[in-house]
Amino acid sequence: MIDFACKEFRVEDVIKCALNLTKADLKVMKYFLNETEQWVDTDSLSKVLKLDISTIQRSVKKLHEKEILQRSQQNLDGGGYVFRYKIHSRAKIKNIIMTVVNSWADRLGQELEKWENVG
């Protein structure tokens, strides 16, 4: 828990908020954090997490765009391909989150400057 003045925050809540994740997105991310060396496709992930395939696809797309997940294309013998995903390092993810948190702090500082100079 993080105690910020009048409220405590769980680190998981800060991560969820900083990355703008849904519950499903967070569930997918947590799965990958526990399986750091494994490349997984969306079909397998859907079965393991018992979530609809479209939910999984949205989540991995979002996590890939936010650079939380790496993506690899596996070409199929009969044609076509499937994407497989793996998590980036915790250090990289921490840096992404800290960038967002520092941006929040900067914006708060700007708002406090405005507040201080009113009246």
PDB file of N, CA and C in Angstrom:
ATOM      1  N   MET A   1       0.834  -1.194   0.000  1.00  0.00           N
ATOM      2  CA  MET A   1       0.000   0.000   0.000  1.00  0.00           C
ATOM      3  C   MET A   1       0.875   1.252   0.000  1.00  0.00           C
ATOM      4  N   ILE A   2       0.369   2.257  -0.669  1.00  0.00           N
ATOM      5  CA  ILE A   2       1.046   3.545  -0.692  1.00  0.00           C
ATOM      6  C   ILE A   2       0.128   4.533   0.004  1.00  0.00           C
ATOM      7  N   ASP A   3       0.637   5.226   1.013  1.00  0.00           N
ATOM      8  CA  ASP A   3      -0.157   6.200   1.755  1.00  0.00           C
ATOM      9  C   ASP A   3       0.125   7.574   1.173  1.00  0.00           C
ATOM     10  N   PHE A   4      -0.882   8.151   0.535  1.00  0.00           N
ATOM     11  CA  PHE A   4      -0.745   9.485  -0.042  1.00  0.00           C
ATOM     12  C   PHE A   4      -1.674  10.412   0.707  1.00  0.00           C
ATOM     13  N   ALA A   5      -1.128  11.165   1.611  1.00  0.00           N
ATOM     14  CA  ALA A   5      -1.863  12.139   2.413  1.00  0.00           C
ATOM     15  C   ALA A   5      -3.054  11.498   3.112  1.00  0.00           C
ATOM     16  N   CYS A   6      -4.217  11.505   2.484  1.00  0.00           N
ATOM     17  CA  CYS A   6      -5.438  11.054   3.149  1.00  0.00           C
ATOM     18  C   CYS A   6      -5.974   9.740   2.594  1.00  0.00           C
ATOM     19  N   LYS A   7      -5.230   9.088   1.729  1.00  0.00           N
ATOM     20  CA  LYS A   7      -5.731   7.871   1.112  1.00  0.00           C
ATOM     21  C   LYS A   7      -4.596   6.894   0.860  1.00  0.00           C
ATOM     22  N   GLU A   8      -4.904   5.602   1.016  1.00  0.00           N
ATOM     23  CA  GLU A   8      -3.935   4.565   0.705  1.00  0.00           C
ATOM     24  C   GLU A   8      -4.273   3.952  -0.644  1.00  0.00           C
ATOM     25  N   PHE A   9      -3.250   3.632  -1.416  1.00  0.00           N
ATOM     26  CA  PHE A   9      -3.423   3.022  -2.728  1.00  0.00           C
ATOM     27  C   PHE A   9      -2.636   1.724  -2.774  1.00  0.00           C
ATOM     28  N   ARG A  10      -3.231   0.691  -3.330  1.00  0.00           N
ATOM     29  CA  ARG A  10      -2.478  -0.524  -3.618  1.00  0.00           C
ATOM     30  C   ARG A  10      -1.679  -0.263  -4.888  1.00  0.00           C
ATOM     31  N   VAL A  11      -0.483  -0.805  -4.960  1.00  0.00           N
ATOM     32  CA  VAL A  11       0.352  -0.610  -6.141  1.00  0.00           C
ATOM     33  C   VAL A  11      -0.394  -1.088  -7.388  1.00  0.00           C
ATOM     34  N   GLU A  12      -1.118  -2.191  -7.266  1.00  0.00           N
ATOM     35  CA  GLU A  12      -1.889  -2.720  -8.398  1.00  0.00           C
ATOM     36  C   GLU A  12      -2.911  -1.695  -8.911  1.00  0.00           C
ATOM     37  N   ASP A  13      -3.521  -0.942  -7.981  1.00  0.00           N
ATOM     38  CA  ASP A  13      -4.488   0.090  -8.385  1.00  0.00           C
ATOM     39  C   ASP A  13      -3.804   1.233  -9.128  1.00  0.00           C
ATOM     40  N   VAL A  14      -2.612   1.592  -8.694  1.00  0.00           N
ATOM     41  CA  VAL A  14      -1.854   2.650  -9.374  1.00  0.00           C
ATOM     42  C   VAL A  14      -1.476   2.185 -10.781  1.00  0.00           C
ATOM     43  N   ILE A  15      -1.043   0.929 -10.899  1.00  0.00           N
ATOM     44  CA  ILE A  15      -0.677   0.382 -12.204  1.00  0.00           C
ATOM     45  C   ILE A  15      -1.894   0.382 -13.124  1.00  0.00           C
ATOM     46  N   LYS A  16      -3.022  -0.093 -12.605  1.00  0.00           N
ATOM     47  CA  LYS A  16      -4.256  -0.155 -13.397  1.00  0.00           C
ATOM     48  C   LYS A  16      -4.667   1.238 -13.875  1.00  0.00           C
ATOM     49  N   CYS A  17      -4.606   2.194 -12.984  1.00  0.00           N
ATOM     50  CA  CYS A  17      -4.995   3.565 -13.325  1.00  0.00           C
ATOM     51  C   CYS A  17      -3.985   4.213 -14.272  1.00  0.00           C
ATOM     52  N   ALA A  18      -2.700   4.065 -13.977  1.00  0.00           N
ATOM     53  CA  ALA A  18      -1.660   4.703 -14.794  1.00  0.00           C
ATOM     54  C   ALA A  18      -1.689   4.196 -16.227  1.00  0.00           C
ATOM     55  N   LEU A  19      -1.981   2.905 -16.399  1.00  0.00           N
ATOM     56  CA  LEU A  19      -2.000   2.323 -17.740  1.00  0.00           C
ATOM     57  C   LEU A  19      -3.395   2.306 -18.355  1.00  0.00           C
ATOM     58  N   ASN A  20      -4.381   2.802 -17.599  1.00  0.00           N
ATOM     59  CA  ASN A  20      -5.774   2.830 -18.062  1.00  0.00           C
ATOM     60  C   ASN A  20      -6.252   1.427 -18.456  1.00  0.00           C
ATOM     61  N   LEU A  21      -6.095   0.487 -17.524  1.00  0.00           N
ATOM     62  CA  LEU A  21      -6.439  -0.898 -17.791  1.00  0.00           C
ATOM     63  C   LEU A  21      -7.815  -1.263 -17.246  1.00  0.00           C
ATOM     64  N   THR A  22      -8.500  -2.140 -17.947  1.00  0.00           N
ATOM     65  CA  THR A  22      -9.733  -2.731 -17.440  1.00  0.00           C
ATOM     66  C   THR A  22      -9.355  -3.894 -16.519  1.00  0.00           C
ATOM     67  N   LYS A  23     -10.345  -4.468 -15.852  1.00  0.00           N
ATOM     68  CA  LYS A  23     -10.088  -5.649 -15.017  1.00  0.00           C
ATOM     69  C   LYS A  23      -9.527  -6.791 -15.861  1.00  0.00           C
ATOM     70  N   ALA A  24     -10.079  -6.969 -17.057  1.00  0.00           N
ATOM     71  CA  ALA A  24      -9.597  -8.031 -17.945  1.00  0.00           C
ATOM     72  C   ALA A  24      -8.155  -7.765 -18.376  1.00  0.00           C
ATOM     73  N   ASP A  25      -7.848  -6.505 -18.713  1.00  0.00           N
ATOM     74  CA  ASP A  25      -6.479  -6.150 -19.109  1.00  0.00           C
ATOM     75  C   ASP A  25      -5.504  -6.480 -17.977  1.00  0.00           C
ATOM     76  N   LEU A  26      -5.894  -6.127 -16.757  1.00  0.00           N
ATOM     77  CA  LEU A  26      -5.036  -6.382 -15.602  1.00  0.00           C
ATOM     78  C   LEU A  26      -4.865  -7.885 -15.375  1.00  0.00           C
ATOM     79  N   LYS A  27      -5.930  -8.640 -15.566  1.00  0.00           N
ATOM     80  CA  LYS A  27      -5.858 -10.094 -15.412  1.00  0.00           C
ATOM     81  C   LYS A  27      -4.878 -10.696 -16.430  1.00  0.00           C
ATOM     82  N   VAL A  28      -4.943 -10.219 -17.658  1.00  0.00           N
ATOM     83  CA  VAL A  28      -4.030 -10.683 -18.706  1.00  0.00           C
ATOM     84  C   VAL A  28      -2.590 -10.305 -18.351  1.00  0.00           C
ATOM     85  N   MET A  29      -2.381  -9.067 -17.932  1.00  0.00           N
ATOM     86  CA  MET A  29      -1.042  -8.613 -17.573  1.00  0.00           C
ATOM     87  C   MET A  29      -0.477  -9.446 -16.419  1.00  0.00           C
ATOM     88  N   LYS A  30      -1.296  -9.710 -15.406  1.00  0.00           N
ATOM     89  CA  LYS A  30      -0.844 -10.498 -14.264  1.00  0.00           C
ATOM     90  C   LYS A  30      -0.469 -11.919 -14.694  1.00  0.00           C
ATOM     91  N   TYR A  31      -1.219 -12.483 -15.622  1.00  0.00           N
ATOM     92  CA  TYR A  31      -0.884 -13.812 -16.132  1.00  0.00           C
ATOM     93  C   TYR A  31       0.529 -13.796 -16.729  1.00  0.00           C
ATOM     94  N   PHE A  32       0.778 -12.802 -17.581  1.00  0.00           N
ATOM     95  CA  PHE A  32       2.088 -12.721 -18.226  1.00  0.00           C
ATOM     96  C   PHE A  32       3.209 -12.439 -17.225  1.00  0.00           C
ATOM     97  N   LEU A  33       2.915 -11.677 -16.181  1.00  0.00           N
ATOM     98  CA  LEU A  33       3.939 -11.409 -15.165  1.00  0.00           C
ATOM     99  C   LEU A  33       4.349 -12.691 -14.439  1.00  0.00           C
ATOM    100  N   ASN A  34       3.444 -13.654 -14.368  1.00  0.00           N
ATOM    101  CA  ASN A  34       3.747 -14.945 -13.737  1.00  0.00           C
ATOM    102  C   ASN A  34       4.363 -15.939 -14.719  1.00  0.00           C
ATOM    103  N   GLU A  35       4.265 -15.651 -16.008  1.00  0.00           N
ATOM    104  CA  GLU A  35       4.783 -16.534 -17.068  1.00  0.00           C
ATOM    105  C   GLU A  35       5.767 -15.747 -17.928  1.00  0.00           C
ATOM    106  N   THR A  36       6.810 -15.225 -17.323  1.00  0.00           N
ATOM    107  CA  THR A  36       7.678 -14.261 -18.000  1.00  0.00           C
ATOM    108  C   THR A  36       8.455 -14.820 -19.183  1.00  0.00           C
ATOM    109  N   GLU A  37       8.696 -16.096 -19.232  1.00  0.00           N
ATOM    110  CA  GLU A  37       9.503 -16.672 -20.312  1.00  0.00           C
ATOM    111  C   GLU A  37       8.669 -17.302 -21.417  1.00  0.00           C
ATOM    112  N   GLN A  38       7.375 -17.257 -21.287  1.00  0.00           N
ATOM    113  CA  GLN A  38       6.505 -18.002 -22.194  1.00  0.00           C
ATOM    114  C   GLN A  38       5.849 -17.085 -23.232  1.00  0.00           C
ATOM    115  N   TRP A  39       5.883 -17.517 -24.509  1.00  0.00           N
ATOM    116  CA  TRP A  39       5.153 -16.854 -25.594  1.00  0.00           C
ATOM    117  C   TRP A  39       3.784 -17.531 -25.680  1.00  0.00           C
ATOM    118  N   VAL A  40       2.702 -16.749 -25.691  1.00  0.00           N
ATOM    119  CA  VAL A  40       1.351 -17.298 -25.641  1.00  0.00           C
ATOM    120  C   VAL A  40       0.489 -16.654 -26.725  1.00  0.00           C
ATOM    121  N   ASP A  41      -0.345 -17.467 -27.378  1.00  0.00           N
ATOM    122  CA  ASP A  41      -1.288 -16.916 -28.361  1.00  0.00           C
ATOM    123  C   ASP A  41      -2.623 -16.625 -27.666  1.00  0.00           C
ATOM    124  N   THR A  42      -3.464 -15.854 -28.329  1.00  0.00           N
ATOM    125  CA  THR A  42      -4.717 -15.414 -27.719  1.00  0.00           C
ATOM    126  C   THR A  42      -5.686 -16.572 -27.462  1.00  0.00           C
ATOM    127  N   ASP A  43      -5.684 -17.577 -28.319  1.00  0.00           N
ATOM    128  CA  ASP A  43      -6.576 -18.720 -28.127  1.00  0.00           C
ATOM    129  C   ASP A  43      -6.232 -19.464 -26.833  1.00  0.00           C
ATOM    130  N   SER A  44      -4.952 -19.748 -26.637  1.00  0.00           N
ATOM    131  CA  SER A  44      -4.504 -20.425 -25.411  1.00  0.00           C
ATOM    132  C   SER A  44      -4.807 -19.574 -24.182  1.00  0.00           C
ATOM    133  N   LEU A  45      -4.552 -18.285 -24.290  1.00  0.00           N
ATOM    134  CA  LEU A  45      -4.791 -17.365 -23.173  1.00  0.00           C
ATOM    135  C   LEU A  45      -6.275 -17.311 -22.809  1.00  0.00           C
ATOM    136  N   SER A  46      -7.127 -17.319 -23.830  1.00  0.00           N
ATOM    137  CA  SER A  46      -8.573 -17.320 -23.616  1.00  0.00           C
ATOM    138  C   SER A  46      -9.008 -18.537 -22.806  1.00  0.00           C
ATOM    139  N   LYS A  47      -8.448 -19.682 -23.139  1.00  0.00           N
ATOM    140  CA  LYS A  47      -8.802 -20.926 -22.443  1.00  0.00           C
ATOM    141  C   LYS A  47      -8.283 -20.930 -21.011  1.00  0.00           C
ATOM    142  N   VAL A  48      -7.047 -20.502 -20.818  1.00  0.00           N
ATOM    143  CA  VAL A  48      -6.445 -20.504 -19.483  1.00  0.00           C
ATOM    144  C   VAL A  48      -7.161 -19.532 -18.546  1.00  0.00           C
ATOM    145  N   LEU A  49      -7.448 -18.330 -19.044  1.00  0.00           N
ATOM    146  CA  LEU A  49      -8.058 -17.295 -18.200  1.00  0.00           C
ATOM    147  C   LEU A  49      -9.588 -17.352 -18.184  1.00  0.00           C
ATOM    148  N   LYS A  50     -10.148 -18.223 -19.026  1.00  0.00           N
ATOM    149  CA  LYS A  50     -11.609 -18.369 -19.118  1.00  0.00           C
ATOM    150  C   LYS A  50     -12.291 -17.035 -19.422  1.00  0.00           C
ATOM    151  N   LEU A  51     -11.706 -16.343 -20.417  1.00  0.00           N
ATOM    152  CA  LEU A  51     -12.271 -15.085 -20.913  1.00  0.00           C
ATOM    153  C   LEU A  51     -12.555 -15.246 -22.396  1.00  0.00           C
ATOM    154  N   ASP A  52     -13.548 -14.523 -22.875  1.00  0.00           N
ATOM    155  CA  ASP A  52     -13.908 -14.562 -24.290  1.00  0.00           C
ATOM    156  C   ASP A  52     -12.718 -14.149 -25.154  1.00  0.00           C
ATOM    157  N   ILE A  53     -12.583 -14.783 -26.292  1.00  0.00           N
ATOM    158  CA  ILE A  53     -11.449 -14.516 -27.182  1.00  0.00           C
ATOM    159  C   ILE A  53     -11.384 -13.044 -27.601  1.00  0.00           C
ATOM    160  N   SER A  54     -12.537 -12.416 -27.819  1.00  0.00           N
ATOM    161  CA  SER A  54     -12.519 -10.997 -28.223  1.00  0.00           C
ATOM    162  C   SER A  54     -12.019 -10.108 -27.077  1.00  0.00           C
ATOM    163  N   THR A  55     -12.320 -10.477 -25.849  1.00  0.00           N
ATOM    164  CA  THR A  55     -11.815  -9.736 -24.681  1.00  0.00           C
ATOM    165  C   THR A  55     -10.302  -9.868 -24.612  1.00  0.00           C
ATOM    166  N   ILE A  56      -9.807 -11.086 -24.800  1.00  0.00           N
ATOM    167  CA  ILE A  56      -8.363 -11.331 -24.783  1.00  0.00           C
ATOM    168  C   ILE A  56      -7.681 -10.550 -25.902  1.00  0.00           C
ATOM    169  N   GLN A  57      -8.257 -10.581 -27.095  1.00  0.00           N
ATOM    170  CA  GLN A  57      -7.659  -9.872 -28.229  1.00  0.00           C
ATOM    171  C   GLN A  57      -7.570  -8.370 -27.973  1.00  0.00           C
ATOM    172  N   ARG A  58      -8.620  -7.796 -27.394  1.00  0.00           N
ATOM    173  CA  ARG A  58      -8.595  -6.364 -27.060  1.00  0.00           C
ATOM    174  C   ARG A  58      -7.507  -6.072 -26.030  1.00  0.00           C
ATOM    175  N   SER A  59      -7.426  -6.938 -25.023  1.00  0.00           N
ATOM    176  CA  SER A  59      -6.451  -6.721 -23.950  1.00  0.00           C
ATOM    177  C   SER A  59      -5.017  -6.821 -24.445  1.00  0.00           C
ATOM    178  N   VAL A  60      -4.704  -7.862 -25.214  1.00  0.00           N
ATOM    179  CA  VAL A  60      -3.316  -7.997 -25.684  1.00  0.00           C
ATOM    180  C   VAL A  60      -2.974  -6.878 -26.667  1.00  0.00           C
ATOM    181  N   LYS A  61      -3.944  -6.443 -27.450  1.00  0.00           N
ATOM    182  CA  LYS A  61      -3.701  -5.317 -28.372  1.00  0.00           C
ATOM    183  C   LYS A  61      -3.344  -4.063 -27.577  1.00  0.00           C
ATOM    184  N   LYS A  62      -4.133  -3.772 -26.549  1.00  0.00           N
ATOM    185  CA  LYS A  62      -3.879  -2.594 -25.724  1.00  0.00           C
ATOM    186  C   LYS A  62      -2.522  -2.707 -25.018  1.00  0.00           C
ATOM    187  N   LEU A  63      -2.248  -3.867 -24.426  1.00  0.00           N
ATOM    188  CA  LEU A  63      -0.989  -4.054 -23.705  1.00  0.00           C
ATOM    189  C   LEU A  63       0.214  -4.000 -24.651  1.00  0.00           C
ATOM    190  N   HIS A  64       0.041  -4.465 -25.871  1.00  0.00           N
ATOM    191  CA  HIS A  64       1.119  -4.367 -26.862  1.00  0.00           C
ATOM    192  C   HIS A  64       1.330  -2.907 -27.264  1.00  0.00           C
ATOM    193  N   GLU A  65       0.264  -2.177 -27.495  1.00  0.00           N
ATOM    194  CA  GLU A  65       0.377  -0.766 -27.879  1.00  0.00           C
ATOM    195  C   GLU A  65       1.032   0.062 -26.778  1.00  0.00           C
ATOM    196  N   LYS A  66       0.806  -0.325 -25.529  1.00  0.00           N
ATOM    197  CA  LYS A  66       1.413   0.387 -24.399  1.00  0.00           C
ATOM    198  C   LYS A  66       2.821  -0.131 -24.086  1.00  0.00           C
ATOM    199  N   GLU A  67       3.312  -1.046 -24.914  1.00  0.00           N
ATOM    200  CA  GLU A  67       4.639  -1.636 -24.799  1.00  0.00           C
ATOM    201  C   GLU A  67       4.826  -2.458 -23.526  1.00  0.00           C
ATOM    202  N   ILE A  68       3.733  -3.029 -23.034  1.00  0.00           N
ATOM    203  CA  ILE A  68       3.789  -3.943 -21.893  1.00  0.00           C
ATOM    204  C   ILE A  68       4.087  -5.351 -22.409  1.00  0.00           C
ATOM    205  N   LEU A  69       3.504  -5.689 -23.559  1.00  0.00           N
ATOM    206  CA  LEU A  69       3.724  -6.992 -24.176  1.00  0.00           C
ATOM    207  C   LEU A  69       4.538  -6.862 -25.453  1.00  0.00           C
ATOM    208  N   GLN A  70       5.354  -7.865 -25.710  1.00  0.00           N
ATOM    209  CA  GLN A  70       6.054  -8.018 -26.987  1.00  0.00           C
ATOM    210  C   GLN A  70       5.177  -8.908 -27.864  1.00  0.00           C
ATOM    211  N   ARG A  71       5.282  -8.751 -29.174  1.00  0.00           N
ATOM    212  CA  ARG A  71       4.497  -9.583 -30.086  1.00  0.00           C
ATOM    213  C   ARG A  71       5.405 -10.223 -31.120  1.00  0.00           C
ATOM    214  N   SER A  72       5.135 -11.490 -31.400  1.00  0.00           N
ATOM    215  CA  SER A  72       5.889 -12.231 -32.405  1.00  0.00           C
ATOM    216  C   SER A  72       4.888 -12.893 -33.351  1.00  0.00           C
ATOM    217  N   GLN A  73       5.193 -12.899 -34.631  1.00  0.00           N
ATOM    218  CA  GLN A  73       4.321 -13.526 -35.626  1.00  0.00           C
ATOM    219  C   GLN A  73       4.828 -14.927 -35.928  1.00  0.00           C
ATOM    220  N   GLN A  74       3.950 -15.905 -35.801  1.00  0.00           N
ATOM    221  CA  GLN A  74       4.294 -17.286 -36.141  1.00  0.00           C
ATOM    222  C   GLN A  74       3.522 -17.661 -37.401  1.00  0.00           C
ATOM    223  N   ASN A  75       4.244 -17.917 -38.483  1.00  0.00           N
ATOM    224  CA  ASN A  75       3.614 -18.307 -39.739  1.00  0.00           C
ATOM    225  C   ASN A  75       3.163 -19.762 -39.651  1.00  0.00           C
ATOM    226  N   LEU A  76       1.961 -20.034 -40.157  1.00  0.00           N
ATOM    227  CA  LEU A  76       1.395 -21.376 -40.122  1.00  0.00           C
ATOM    228  C   LEU A  76       1.725 -22.122 -41.405  1.00  0.00           C
ATOM    229  N   ASP A  77       1.881 -23.441 -41.306  1.00  0.00           N
ATOM    230  CA  ASP A  77       2.242 -24.266 -42.459  1.00  0.00           C
ATOM    231  C   ASP A  77       1.246 -24.142 -43.610  1.00  0.00           C
ATOM    232  N   GLY A  78      -0.042 -24.119 -43.304  1.00  0.00           N
ATOM    233  CA  GLY A  78      -1.066 -24.059 -44.338  1.00  0.00           C
ATOM    234  C   GLY A  78      -1.365 -22.648 -44.810  1.00  0.00           C
ATOM    235  N   GLY A  79      -0.570 -21.707 -44.405  1.00  0.00           N
ATOM    236  CA  GLY A  79      -0.814 -20.304 -44.749  1.00  0.00           C
ATOM    237  C   GLY A  79      -1.380 -19.565 -43.550  1.00  0.00           C
ATOM    238  N   GLY A  80      -1.258 -18.288 -43.575  1.00  0.00           N
ATOM    239  CA  GLY A  80      -1.733 -17.461 -42.471  1.00  0.00           C
ATOM    240  C   GLY A  80      -0.693 -17.385 -41.358  1.00  0.00           C
ATOM    241  N   TYR A  81      -1.086 -16.790 -40.274  1.00  0.00           N
ATOM    242  CA  TYR A  81      -0.169 -16.606 -39.153  1.00  0.00           C
ATOM    243  C   TYR A  81      -0.973 -16.424 -37.866  1.00  0.00           C
ATOM    244  N   VAL A  82      -0.281 -16.523 -36.766  1.00  0.00           N
ATOM    245  CA  VAL A  82      -0.871 -16.255 -35.451  1.00  0.00           C
ATOM    246  C   VAL A  82       0.146 -15.415 -34.677  1.00  0.00           C
ATOM    247  N   PHE A  83      -0.365 -14.448 -33.926  1.00  0.00           N
ATOM    248  CA  PHE A  83       0.509 -13.650 -33.072  1.00  0.00           C
ATOM    249  C   PHE A  83       0.654 -14.345 -31.733  1.00  0.00           C
ATOM    250  N   ARG A  84       1.858 -14.274 -31.187  1.00  0.00           N
ATOM    251  CA  ARG A  84       2.148 -14.791 -29.858  1.00  0.00           C
ATOM    252  C   ARG A  84       2.713 -13.622 -29.048  1.00  0.00           C
ATOM    253  N   TYR A  85       2.445 -13.633 -27.750  1.00  0.00           N
ATOM    254  CA  TYR A  85       2.813 -12.510 -26.894  1.00  0.00           C
ATOM    255  C   TYR A  85       3.637 -12.958 -25.701  1.00  0.00           C
ATOM    256  N   LYS A  86       4.467 -12.026 -25.242  1.00  0.00           N
ATOM    257  CA  LYS A  86       5.311 -12.240 -24.072  1.00  0.00           C
ATOM    258  C   LYS A  86       5.475 -10.884 -23.391  1.00  0.00           C
ATOM    259  N   ILE A  87       5.620 -10.891 -22.079  1.00  0.00           N
ATOM    260  CA  ILE A  87       5.729  -9.629 -21.342  1.00  0.00           C
ATOM    261  C   ILE A  87       7.138  -9.034 -21.469  1.00  0.00           C
ATOM    262  N   HIS A  88       7.199  -7.701 -21.466  1.00  0.00           N
ATOM    263  CA  HIS A  88       8.487  -7.015 -21.377  1.00  0.00           C
ATOM    264  C   HIS A  88       8.971  -7.128 -19.933  1.00  0.00           C
ATOM    265  N   SER A  89      10.156  -6.659 -19.658  1.00  0.00           N
ATOM    266  CA  SER A  89      10.715  -6.744 -18.306  1.00  0.00           C
ATOM    267  C   SER A  89       9.945  -5.840 -17.338  1.00  0.00           C
ATOM    268  N   ARG A  90       9.979  -6.222 -16.074  1.00  0.00           N
ATOM    269  CA  ARG A  90       9.349  -5.387 -15.037  1.00  0.00           C
ATOM    270  C   ARG A  90      10.002  -4.002 -14.998  1.00  0.00           C
ATOM    271  N   ALA A  91      11.290  -3.927 -15.267  1.00  0.00           N
ATOM    272  CA  ALA A  91      11.985  -2.629 -15.266  1.00  0.00           C
ATOM    273  C   ALA A  91      11.411  -1.715 -16.344  1.00  0.00           C
ATOM    274  N   LYS A  92      11.160  -2.260 -17.532  1.00  0.00           N
ATOM    275  CA  LYS A  92      10.583  -1.460 -18.622  1.00  0.00           C
ATOM    276  C   LYS A  92       9.180  -0.997 -18.254  1.00  0.00           C
ATOM    277  N   ILE A  93       8.390  -1.908 -17.687  1.00  0.00           N
ATOM    278  CA  ILE A  93       7.018  -1.571 -17.296  1.00  0.00           C
ATOM    279  C   ILE A  93       7.028  -0.509 -16.196  1.00  0.00           C
ATOM    280  N   LYS A  94       7.943  -0.650 -15.237  1.00  0.00           N
ATOM    281  CA  LYS A  94       8.074   0.352 -14.171  1.00  0.00           C
ATOM    282  C   LYS A  94       8.368   1.725 -14.770  1.00  0.00           C
ATOM    283  N   ASN A  95       9.276   1.787 -15.758  1.00  0.00           N
ATOM    284  CA  ASN A  95       9.615   3.066 -16.386  1.00  0.00           C
ATOM    285  C   ASN A  95       8.412   3.685 -17.093  1.00  0.00           C
ATOM    286  N   ILE A  96       7.601   2.856 -17.735  1.00  0.00           N
ATOM    287  CA  ILE A  96       6.394   3.349 -18.404  1.00  0.00           C
ATOM    288  C   ILE A  96       5.439   3.952 -17.367  1.00  0.00           C
ATOM    289  N   ILE A  97       5.243   3.235 -16.268  1.00  0.00           N
ATOM    290  CA  ILE A  97       4.336   3.701 -15.211  1.00  0.00           C
ATOM    291  C   ILE A  97       4.880   4.971 -14.560  1.00  0.00           C
ATOM    292  N   MET A  98       6.173   5.015 -14.295  1.00  0.00           N
ATOM    293  CA  MET A  98       6.759   6.192 -13.661  1.00  0.00           C
ATOM    294  C   MET A  98       6.657   7.428 -14.562  1.00  0.00           C
ATOM    295  N   THR A  99       6.741   7.233 -15.854  1.00  0.00           N
ATOM    296  CA  THR A  99       6.562   8.350 -16.785  1.00  0.00           C
ATOM    297  C   THR A  99       5.164   8.944 -16.630  1.00  0.00           C
ATOM    298  N   VAL A 100       4.157   8.071 -16.525  1.00  0.00           N
ATOM    299  CA  VAL A 100       2.778   8.529 -16.349  1.00  0.00           C
ATOM    300  C   VAL A 100       2.613   9.223 -14.992  1.00  0.00           C
ATOM    301  N   VAL A 101       3.136   8.608 -13.935  1.00  0.00           N
ATOM    302  CA  VAL A 101       3.011   9.181 -12.589  1.00  0.00           C
ATOM    303  C   VAL A 101       3.717  10.533 -12.516  1.00  0.00           C
ATOM    304  N   ASN A 102       4.891  10.638 -13.118  1.00  0.00           N
ATOM    305  CA  ASN A 102       5.602  11.923 -13.125  1.00  0.00           C
ATOM    306  C   ASN A 102       4.827  12.980 -13.905  1.00  0.00           C
ATOM    307  N   SER A 103       4.156  12.568 -14.955  1.00  0.00           N
ATOM    308  CA  SER A 103       3.314  13.494 -15.718  1.00  0.00           C
ATOM    309  C   SER A 103       2.164  13.996 -14.851  1.00  0.00           C
ATOM    310  N   TRP A 104       1.566  13.086 -14.078  1.00  0.00           N
ATOM    311  CA  TRP A 104       0.503  13.494 -13.146  1.00  0.00           C
ATOM    312  C   TRP A 104       1.037  14.532 -12.156  1.00  0.00           C
ATOM    313  N   ALA A 105       2.218  14.259 -11.594  1.00  0.00           N
ATOM    314  CA  ALA A 105       2.808  15.170 -10.614  1.00  0.00           C
ATOM    315  C   ALA A 105       3.075  16.545 -11.241  1.00  0.00           C
ATOM    316  N   ASP A 106       3.562  16.552 -12.468  1.00  0.00           N
ATOM    317  CA  ASP A 106       3.802  17.821 -13.161  1.00  0.00           C
ATOM    318  C   ASP A 106       2.501  18.595 -13.361  1.00  0.00           C
ATOM    319  N   ARG A 107       1.460  17.884 -13.792  1.00  0.00           N
ATOM    320  CA  ARG A 107       0.156  18.552 -13.988  1.00  0.00           C
ATOM    321  C   ARG A 107      -0.392  19.072 -12.668  1.00  0.00           C
ATOM    322  N   LEU A 108      -0.226  18.310 -11.596  1.00  0.00           N
ATOM    323  CA  LEU A 108      -0.674  18.767 -10.281  1.00  0.00           C
ATOM    324  C   LEU A 108       0.077  20.034  -9.894  1.00  0.00           C
ATOM    325  N   GLY A 109       1.371  20.056 -10.143  1.00  0.00           N
ATOM    326  CA  GLY A 109       2.157  21.250  -9.843  1.00  0.00           C
ATOM    327  C   GLY A 109       1.652  22.468 -10.598  1.00  0.00           C
ATOM    328  N   GLN A 110       1.303  22.295 -11.874  1.00  0.00           N
ATOM    329  CA  GLN A 110       0.768  23.392 -12.681  1.00  0.00           C
ATOM    330  C   GLN A 110      -0.569  23.869 -12.129  1.00  0.00           C
ATOM    331  N   GLU A 111      -1.421  22.930 -11.751  1.00  0.00           N
ATOM    332  CA  GLU A 111      -2.733  23.300 -11.195  1.00  0.00           C
ATOM    333  C   GLU A 111      -2.580  24.010  -9.852  1.00  0.00           C
ATOM    334  N   LEU A 112      -1.630  23.586  -9.027  1.00  0.00           N
ATOM    335  CA  LEU A 112      -1.396  24.255  -7.745  1.00  0.00           C
ATOM    336  C   LEU A 112      -0.841  25.659  -7.952  1.00  0.00           C
ATOM    337  N   GLU A 113      -0.034  25.838  -9.004  1.00  0.00           N
ATOM    338  CA  GLU A 113       0.456  27.186  -9.338  1.00  0.00           C
ATOM    339  C   GLU A 113      -0.717  28.098  -9.676  1.00  0.00           C
ATOM    340  N   LYS A 114      -1.635  27.609 -10.501  1.00  0.00           N
ATOM    341  CA  LYS A 114      -2.826  28.395 -10.851  1.00  0.00           C
ATOM    342  C   LYS A 114      -3.644  28.700  -9.614  1.00  0.00           C
ATOM    343  N   TRP A 115      -3.828  27.687  -8.785  1.00  0.00           N
ATOM    344  CA  TRP A 115      -4.624  27.843  -7.554  1.00  0.00           C
ATOM    345  C   TRP A 115      -3.995  28.873  -6.633  1.00  0.00           C
ATOM    346  N   GLU A 116      -2.663  28.833  -6.515  1.00  0.00           N
ATOM    347  CA  GLU A 116      -1.939  29.743  -5.639  1.00  0.00           C
ATOM    348  C   GLU A 116      -2.092  31.188  -6.117  1.00  0.00           C
ATOM    349  N   ASN A 117      -2.153  31.386  -7.420  1.00  0.00           N
ATOM    350  CA  ASN A 117      -2.159  32.746  -7.971  1.00  0.00           C
ATOM    351  C   ASN A 117      -3.551  33.330  -8.162  1.00  0.00           C
ATOM    352  N   VAL A 118      -4.584  32.589  -7.774  1.00  0.00           N
ATOM    353  CA  VAL A 118      -5.961  33.090  -7.903  1.00  0.00           C
ATOM    354  C   VAL A 118      -6.278  33.903  -6.663  1.00  0.00           C
ATOM    355  N   GLY A 119      -6.911  35.050  -6.885  1.00  0.00           N
ATOM    356  CA  GLY A 119      -7.462  35.816  -5.787  1.00  0.00           C
ATOM    357  C   GLY A 119      -6.509  36.655  -5.081  1.00  0.00           C
TER     358      GLY A 119
END
